[in-house]
């Protein structure tokens, strides 16, 4: 990660694979949905490619230290997982309670291929089963897909989702083809980590 990059910090206390992904992605997208995206830092971050840094909290005390940081945050729990997402900041400027947390190696056992969190609106994100990704990497990609969904869908629908957010995750193989026009938004990796640039990692449904 370039230390000068603008990134959205996400901190997650993990539980299982899907709850951890869902919590991190929802926190990220809800932060984006509730922000003033017309000015810095959000407008700069969105125009630069939505880069995120998912860090693992090992114990509740880690979360308490992060909560004490003077940054606006969005926090959500999914099952036993808890995640916090922040407004984008320069990577090198991450406060110590965040920067000290582990940014790699978050990978949990896969016991299911689907997950659903009920809500007023339940966007579906498909995770490409042909691409090897850690739990942390997948969380960042799903967060990117949900961010695209927030920016694409009608504001009234997004508002209803924010009030009672749902999410469906499905692990399945798919190509980079978007299918019928307007049916899917495909996320392609930027190549900053272990995935080759341009790889179709996840996609989010756009039909409601």
C-alpha atoms as a PDB file:
ATOM      1  CA  UNK A   1       0.000   0.000   0.000  1.00  0.00           C
ATOM      2  CA  UNK A   2       1.370   3.419  -0.981  1.00  0.00           C
ATOM      3  CA  UNK A   3       1.551   5.442   2.261  1.00  0.00           C
ATOM      4  CA  UNK A   4       0.185   8.484   0.401  1.00  0.00           C
ATOM      5  CA  UNK A   5      -2.925   6.651  -0.806  1.00  0.00           C
ATOM      6  CA  UNK A   6      -6.314   7.817   0.415  1.00  0.00           C
ATOM      7  CA  UNK A   7      -7.980   4.797   2.021  1.00  0.00           C
ATOM      8  CA  UNK A   8     -11.086   4.024   4.036  1.00  0.00           C
ATOM      9  CA  UNK A   9     -10.033   2.318   7.292  1.00  0.00           C
ATOM     10  CA  UNK A  10     -12.241  -0.591   8.345  1.00  0.00           C
ATOM     11  CA  UNK A  11     -11.713  -2.372  11.659  1.00  0.00           C
ATOM     12  CA  UNK A  12     -13.445  -5.684  12.334  1.00  0.00           C
ATOM     13  CA  UNK A  13     -13.637  -8.019  15.303  1.00  0.00           C
ATOM     14  CA  UNK A  14     -14.230 -11.281  13.410  1.00  0.00           C
ATOM     15  CA  UNK A  15     -16.527 -14.190  14.119  1.00  0.00           C
ATOM     16  CA  UNK A  16     -17.128 -16.553  11.201  1.00  0.00           C
ATOM     17  CA  UNK A  17     -16.305 -15.992   7.529  1.00  0.00           C
ATOM     18  CA  UNK A  18     -19.600 -14.558   6.306  1.00  0.00           C
ATOM     19  CA  UNK A  19     -20.512 -12.544   9.418  1.00  0.00           C
ATOM     20  CA  UNK A  20     -17.083 -10.921   9.290  1.00  0.00           C
ATOM     21  CA  UNK A  21     -17.436 -10.044   5.597  1.00  0.00           C
ATOM     22  CA  UNK A  22     -20.974  -8.737   6.067  1.00  0.00           C
ATOM     23  CA  UNK A  23     -20.101  -6.565   9.069  1.00  0.00           C
ATOM     24  CA  UNK A  24     -17.089  -4.972   7.368  1.00  0.00           C
ATOM     25  CA  UNK A  25     -18.901  -4.386   4.075  1.00  0.00           C
ATOM     26  CA  UNK A  26     -22.027  -2.969   5.696  1.00  0.00           C
ATOM     27  CA  UNK A  27     -20.041  -0.585   7.903  1.00  0.00           C
ATOM     28  CA  UNK A  28     -18.154   0.673   4.854  1.00  0.00           C
ATOM     29  CA  UNK A  29     -21.220   1.149   2.660  1.00  0.00           C
ATOM     30  CA  UNK A  30     -23.317   2.713   5.428  1.00  0.00           C
ATOM     31  CA  UNK A  31     -20.531   5.210   6.103  1.00  0.00           C
ATOM     32  CA  UNK A  32     -20.506   6.103   2.418  1.00  0.00           C
ATOM     33  CA  UNK A  33     -24.297   6.334   2.235  1.00  0.00           C
ATOM     34  CA  UNK A  34     -24.456   8.742   5.166  1.00  0.00           C
ATOM     35  CA  UNK A  35     -21.572  10.976   4.106  1.00  0.00           C
ATOM     36  CA  UNK A  36     -21.458  14.242   2.203  1.00  0.00           C
ATOM     37  CA  UNK A  37     -19.801  12.857  -0.912  1.00  0.00           C
ATOM     38  CA  UNK A  38     -19.699  16.190  -2.740  1.00  0.00           C
ATOM     39  CA  UNK A  39     -16.448  17.299  -1.100  1.00  0.00           C
ATOM     40  CA  UNK A  40     -13.207  16.036   0.396  1.00  0.00           C
ATOM     41  CA  UNK A  41     -12.285  13.480   1.497  1.00  0.00           C
ATOM     42  CA  UNK A  42     -15.107  11.394   0.023  1.00  0.00           C
ATOM     43  CA  UNK A  43     -15.105  12.908  -3.475  1.00  0.00           C
ATOM     44  CA  UNK A  44     -11.338  12.458  -3.794  1.00  0.00           C
ATOM     45  CA  UNK A  45     -11.520   8.883  -2.510  1.00  0.00           C
ATOM     46  CA  UNK A  46     -14.383   7.902  -4.806  1.00  0.00           C
ATOM     47  CA  UNK A  47     -12.618   9.304  -7.853  1.00  0.00           C
ATOM     48  CA  UNK A  48      -9.442   7.403  -6.941  1.00  0.00           C
ATOM     49  CA  UNK A  49     -10.945   3.915  -6.767  1.00  0.00           C
ATOM     50  CA  UNK A  50     -12.498   3.257  -3.329  1.00  0.00           C
ATOM     51  CA  UNK A  51      -9.334   1.787  -1.741  1.00  0.00           C
ATOM     52  CA  UNK A  52      -9.948   0.205   1.672  1.00  0.00           C
ATOM     53  CA  UNK A  53      -7.808  -1.165   4.480  1.00  0.00           C
ATOM     54  CA  UNK A  54      -9.465  -3.946   6.511  1.00  0.00           C
ATOM     55  CA  UNK A  55      -7.776  -4.476   9.874  1.00  0.00           C
ATOM     56  CA  UNK A  56      -8.424  -7.189  12.416  1.00  0.00           C
ATOM     57  CA  UNK A  57      -9.192  -6.474  16.070  1.00  0.00           C
ATOM     58  CA  UNK A  58      -8.210  -9.457  18.212  1.00  0.00           C
ATOM     59  CA  UNK A  59     -10.238  -8.581  21.302  1.00  0.00           C
ATOM     60  CA  UNK A  60     -12.986  -6.159  22.401  1.00  0.00           C
ATOM     61  CA  UNK A  61     -10.361  -3.942  24.053  1.00  0.00           C
ATOM     62  CA  UNK A  62      -8.938  -3.226  20.591  1.00  0.00           C
ATOM     63  CA  UNK A  63     -12.341  -1.910  19.543  1.00  0.00           C
ATOM     64  CA  UNK A  64     -12.532   0.283  22.636  1.00  0.00           C
ATOM     65  CA  UNK A  65      -9.199   1.889  21.749  1.00  0.00           C
ATOM     66  CA  UNK A  66     -10.397   2.515  18.201  1.00  0.00           C
ATOM     67  CA  UNK A  67     -13.665   4.022  19.474  1.00  0.00           C
ATOM     68  CA  UNK A  68     -11.617   6.530  21.464  1.00  0.00           C
ATOM     69  CA  UNK A  69     -10.040   7.885  18.268  1.00  0.00           C
ATOM     70  CA  UNK A  70     -11.405  11.291  17.299  1.00  0.00           C
ATOM     71  CA  UNK A  71     -12.700  10.191  13.898  1.00  0.00           C
ATOM     72  CA  UNK A  72     -16.287   9.907  12.708  1.00  0.00           C
ATOM     73  CA  UNK A  73     -17.183   6.251  12.439  1.00  0.00           C
ATOM     74  CA  UNK A  74     -20.008   3.937  11.438  1.00  0.00           C
ATOM     75  CA  UNK A  75     -20.321   0.805  13.566  1.00  0.00           C
ATOM     76  CA  UNK A  76     -22.433  -2.297  13.024  1.00  0.00           C
ATOM     77  CA  UNK A  77     -22.652  -5.799  14.421  1.00  0.00           C
ATOM     78  CA  UNK A  78     -23.581  -8.883  12.410  1.00  0.00           C
ATOM     79  CA  UNK A  79     -23.923 -11.959  14.573  1.00  0.00           C
ATOM     80  CA  UNK A  80     -20.788 -12.023  16.704  1.00  0.00           C
ATOM     81  CA  UNK A  81     -18.767  -9.834  14.322  1.00  0.00           C
ATOM     82  CA  UNK A  82     -18.396  -6.093  14.940  1.00  0.00           C
ATOM     83  CA  UNK A  83     -17.059  -3.642  12.367  1.00  0.00           C
ATOM     84  CA  UNK A  84     -16.281   0.058  12.235  1.00  0.00           C
ATOM     85  CA  UNK A  85     -15.661   2.108   9.107  1.00  0.00           C
ATOM     86  CA  UNK A  86     -14.305   5.633   8.893  1.00  0.00           C
ATOM     87  CA  UNK A  87     -14.090   8.475   6.425  1.00  0.00           C
ATOM     88  CA  UNK A  88     -11.153   8.098   4.021  1.00  0.00           C
ATOM     89  CA  UNK A  89      -7.754   9.265   5.291  1.00  0.00           C
ATOM     90  CA  UNK A  90      -4.187   9.165   3.988  1.00  0.00           C
ATOM     91  CA  UNK A  91      -2.889   5.670   4.750  1.00  0.00           C
ATOM     92  CA  UNK A  92       0.220   6.964   6.529  1.00  0.00           C
ATOM     93  CA  UNK A  93      -1.950   9.144   8.780  1.00  0.00           C
ATOM     94  CA  UNK A  94      -3.899   6.243  10.306  1.00  0.00           C
ATOM     95  CA  UNK A  95      -4.052   6.797  14.098  1.00  0.00           C
ATOM     96  CA  UNK A  96      -1.980   4.300  16.131  1.00  0.00           C
ATOM     97  CA  UNK A  97      -4.994   2.419  17.581  1.00  0.00           C
ATOM     98  CA  UNK A  98      -5.895   1.603  13.958  1.00  0.00           C
ATOM     99  CA  UNK A  99      -2.459   1.299  12.326  1.00  0.00           C
ATOM    100  CA  UNK A 100      -1.241  -1.152  14.981  1.00  0.00           C
ATOM    101  CA  UNK A 101      -3.946  -3.661  14.095  1.00  0.00           C
ATOM    102  CA  UNK A 102      -3.193  -6.551  11.742  1.00  0.00           C
ATOM    103  CA  UNK A 103      -3.911  -5.800   8.090  1.00  0.00           C
ATOM    104  CA  UNK A 104      -3.075  -9.231   6.625  1.00  0.00           C
ATOM    105  CA  UNK A 105      -3.841 -12.827   7.476  1.00  0.00           C
ATOM    106  CA  UNK A 106      -7.540 -12.435   8.245  1.00  0.00           C
ATOM    107  CA  UNK A 107      -8.785 -15.723   6.825  1.00  0.00           C
ATOM    108  CA  UNK A 108     -11.506 -17.893   8.336  1.00  0.00           C
ATOM    109  CA  UNK A 109     -12.947 -21.311   7.551  1.00  0.00           C
ATOM    110  CA  UNK A 110     -15.669 -21.476   4.914  1.00  0.00           C
ATOM    111  CA  UNK A 111     -18.555 -23.537   6.265  1.00  0.00           C
ATOM    112  CA  UNK A 112     -21.286 -22.220   3.950  1.00  0.00           C
ATOM    113  CA  UNK A 113     -21.661 -20.872   0.436  1.00  0.00           C
ATOM    114  CA  UNK A 114     -24.532 -18.462   1.155  1.00  0.00           C
ATOM    115  CA  UNK A 115     -25.452 -15.976   3.853  1.00  0.00           C
ATOM    116  CA  UNK A 116     -28.460 -13.696   4.301  1.00  0.00           C
ATOM    117  CA  UNK A 117     -28.967 -10.813   6.703  1.00  0.00           C
ATOM    118  CA  UNK A 118     -32.656  -9.843   6.511  1.00  0.00           C
ATOM    119  CA  UNK A 119     -33.511  -6.188   6.019  1.00  0.00           C
ATOM    120  CA  UNK A 120     -35.883  -3.757   4.334  1.00  0.00           C
ATOM    121  CA  UNK A 121     -33.787  -4.042   1.168  1.00  0.00           C
ATOM    122  CA  UNK A 122     -31.463  -7.002   0.585  1.00  0.00           C
ATOM    123  CA  UNK A 123     -28.870  -6.427  -2.155  1.00  0.00           C
ATOM    124  CA  UNK A 124     -27.174  -9.583  -3.396  1.00  0.00           C
ATOM    125  CA  UNK A 125     -23.402  -9.727  -3.774  1.00  0.00           C
ATOM    126  CA  UNK A 126     -21.907 -12.737  -5.524  1.00  0.00           C
ATOM    127  CA  UNK A 127     -18.352 -13.747  -4.582  1.00  0.00           C
ATOM    128  CA  UNK A 128     -16.413 -15.347  -7.422  1.00  0.00           C
ATOM    129  CA  UNK A 129     -15.679 -18.924  -6.360  1.00  0.00           C
ATOM    130  CA  UNK A 130     -12.904 -19.216  -8.960  1.00  0.00           C
ATOM    131  CA  UNK A 131     -10.787 -16.504  -7.294  1.00  0.00           C
ATOM    132  CA  UNK A 132      -8.775 -17.352  -4.168  1.00  0.00           C
ATOM    133  CA  UNK A 133      -9.301 -14.573  -1.618  1.00  0.00           C
ATOM    134  CA  UNK A 134      -8.845 -14.349   2.140  1.00  0.00           C
ATOM    135  CA  UNK A 135     -11.737 -13.319   4.361  1.00  0.00           C
ATOM    136  CA  UNK A 136     -10.207  -9.850   4.712  1.00  0.00           C
ATOM    137  CA  UNK A 137      -9.707  -9.446   0.971  1.00  0.00           C
ATOM    138  CA  UNK A 138     -13.242 -10.647   0.297  1.00  0.00           C
ATOM    139  CA  UNK A 139     -14.606  -8.173   2.844  1.00  0.00           C
ATOM    140  CA  UNK A 140     -12.908  -5.295   1.027  1.00  0.00           C
ATOM    141  CA  UNK A 141     -14.257  -6.470  -2.342  1.00  0.00           C
ATOM    142  CA  UNK A 142     -17.808  -6.917  -1.048  1.00  0.00           C
ATOM    143  CA  UNK A 143     -17.559  -3.476   0.563  1.00  0.00           C
ATOM    144  CA  UNK A 144     -16.572  -2.077  -2.840  1.00  0.00           C
ATOM    145  CA  UNK A 145     -19.581  -3.748  -4.455  1.00  0.00           C
ATOM    146  CA  UNK A 146     -21.959  -2.380  -1.824  1.00  0.00           C
ATOM    147  CA  UNK A 147     -20.430   1.054  -2.303  1.00  0.00           C
ATOM    148  CA  UNK A 148     -21.152   0.855  -6.023  1.00  0.00           C
ATOM    149  CA  UNK A 149     -24.704  -0.217  -5.169  1.00  0.00           C
ATOM    150  CA  UNK A 150     -25.172   2.789  -2.853  1.00  0.00           C
ATOM    151  CA  UNK A 151     -23.947   5.163  -5.567  1.00  0.00           C
ATOM    152  CA  UNK A 152     -26.027   3.557  -8.326  1.00  0.00           C
ATOM    153  CA  UNK A 153     -29.454   2.859  -6.856  1.00  0.00           C
ATOM    154  CA  UNK A 154     -32.246   5.456  -6.422  1.00  0.00           C
ATOM    155  CA  UNK A 155     -31.833   7.565  -3.287  1.00  0.00           C
ATOM    156  CA  UNK A 156     -35.224   6.516  -1.884  1.00  0.00           C
ATOM    157  CA  UNK A 157     -34.266   2.851  -2.073  1.00  0.00           C
ATOM    158  CA  UNK A 158     -30.868   3.504  -0.500  1.00  0.00           C
ATOM    159  CA  UNK A 159     -32.524   5.462   2.315  1.00  0.00           C
ATOM    160  CA  UNK A 160     -34.813   2.512   3.073  1.00  0.00           C
ATOM    161  CA  UNK A 161     -31.798   0.212   3.086  1.00  0.00           C
ATOM    162  CA  UNK A 162     -29.856   2.476   5.465  1.00  0.00           C
ATOM    163  CA  UNK A 163     -32.752   2.409   7.931  1.00  0.00           C
ATOM    164  CA  UNK A 164     -32.786  -1.410   7.992  1.00  0.00           C
ATOM    165  CA  UNK A 165     -29.856  -2.796   5.977  1.00  0.00           C
ATOM    166  CA  UNK A 166     -29.927  -6.325   4.616  1.00  0.00           C
ATOM    167  CA  UNK A 167     -27.370  -8.255   2.599  1.00  0.00           C
ATOM    168  CA  UNK A 168     -27.204 -11.562   0.748  1.00  0.00           C
ATOM    169  CA  UNK A 169     -23.843 -13.159  -0.008  1.00  0.00           C
ATOM    170  CA  UNK A 170     -23.505 -16.012  -2.500  1.00  0.00           C
ATOM    171  CA  UNK A 171     -20.269 -17.796  -3.374  1.00  0.00           C
ATOM    172  CA  UNK A 172     -20.459 -19.023  -6.975  1.00  0.00           C
ATOM    173  CA  UNK A 173     -18.419 -18.972 -10.180  1.00  0.00           C
ATOM    174  CA  UNK A 174     -19.105 -16.227 -12.705  1.00  0.00           C
ATOM    175  CA  UNK A 175     -17.351 -14.588 -15.630  1.00  0.00           C
ATOM    176  CA  UNK A 176     -16.537 -10.924 -15.945  1.00  0.00           C
ATOM    177  CA  UNK A 177     -19.591 -10.453 -18.165  1.00  0.00           C
ATOM    178  CA  UNK A 178     -22.231  -8.230 -16.571  1.00  0.00           C
ATOM    179  CA  UNK A 179     -25.062 -10.176 -18.217  1.00  0.00           C
ATOM    180  CA  UNK A 180     -28.156  -8.187 -19.156  1.00  0.00           C
ATOM    181  CA  UNK A 181     -27.496  -4.423 -19.238  1.00  0.00           C
ATOM    182  CA  UNK A 182     -28.088  -2.924 -15.800  1.00  0.00           C
ATOM    183  CA  UNK A 183     -28.387  -6.283 -14.057  1.00  0.00           C
ATOM    184  CA  UNK A 184     -24.962  -6.514 -12.372  1.00  0.00           C
ATOM    185  CA  UNK A 185     -22.070  -4.252 -11.430  1.00  0.00           C
ATOM    186  CA  UNK A 186     -18.818  -6.217 -11.546  1.00  0.00           C
ATOM    187  CA  UNK A 187     -15.899  -5.278  -9.299  1.00  0.00           C
ATOM    188  CA  UNK A 188     -12.452  -5.851 -10.796  1.00  0.00           C
ATOM    189  CA  UNK A 189      -9.420  -5.891  -8.549  1.00  0.00           C
ATOM    190  CA  UNK A 190      -6.902  -3.056  -8.790  1.00  0.00           C
ATOM    191  CA  UNK A 191      -3.943  -5.386  -8.349  1.00  0.00           C
ATOM    192  CA  UNK A 192      -2.583  -3.773  -5.173  1.00  0.00           C
ATOM    193  CA  UNK A 193      -2.548  -7.083  -3.279  1.00  0.00           C
ATOM    194  CA  UNK A 194      -2.404 -10.764  -4.192  1.00  0.00           C
ATOM    195  CA  UNK A 195      -5.018 -10.704  -6.990  1.00  0.00           C
ATOM    196  CA  UNK A 196      -4.009  -9.847 -10.588  1.00  0.00           C
ATOM    197  CA  UNK A 197      -5.328  -6.487 -11.747  1.00  0.00           C
ATOM    198  CA  UNK A 198      -8.582  -6.742 -13.678  1.00  0.00           C
ATOM    199  CA  UNK A 199      -9.779  -9.967 -12.023  1.00  0.00           C
ATOM    200  CA  UNK A 200     -13.565 -10.061 -11.530  1.00  0.00           C
ATOM    201  CA  UNK A 201     -13.824 -10.688  -7.781  1.00  0.00           C
ATOM    202  CA  UNK A 202     -17.428  -9.905  -6.865  1.00  0.00           C
ATOM    203  CA  UNK A 203     -20.557  -8.490  -8.443  1.00  0.00           C
ATOM    204  CA  UNK A 204     -23.675  -6.850  -7.044  1.00  0.00           C
ATOM    205  CA  UNK A 205     -27.204  -7.089  -8.385  1.00  0.00           C
ATOM    206  CA  UNK A 206     -28.785  -3.826  -9.553  1.00  0.00           C
ATOM    207  CA  UNK A 207     -32.362  -4.953 -10.190  1.00  0.00           C
ATOM    208  CA  UNK A 208     -35.082  -4.237  -7.597  1.00  0.00           C
END
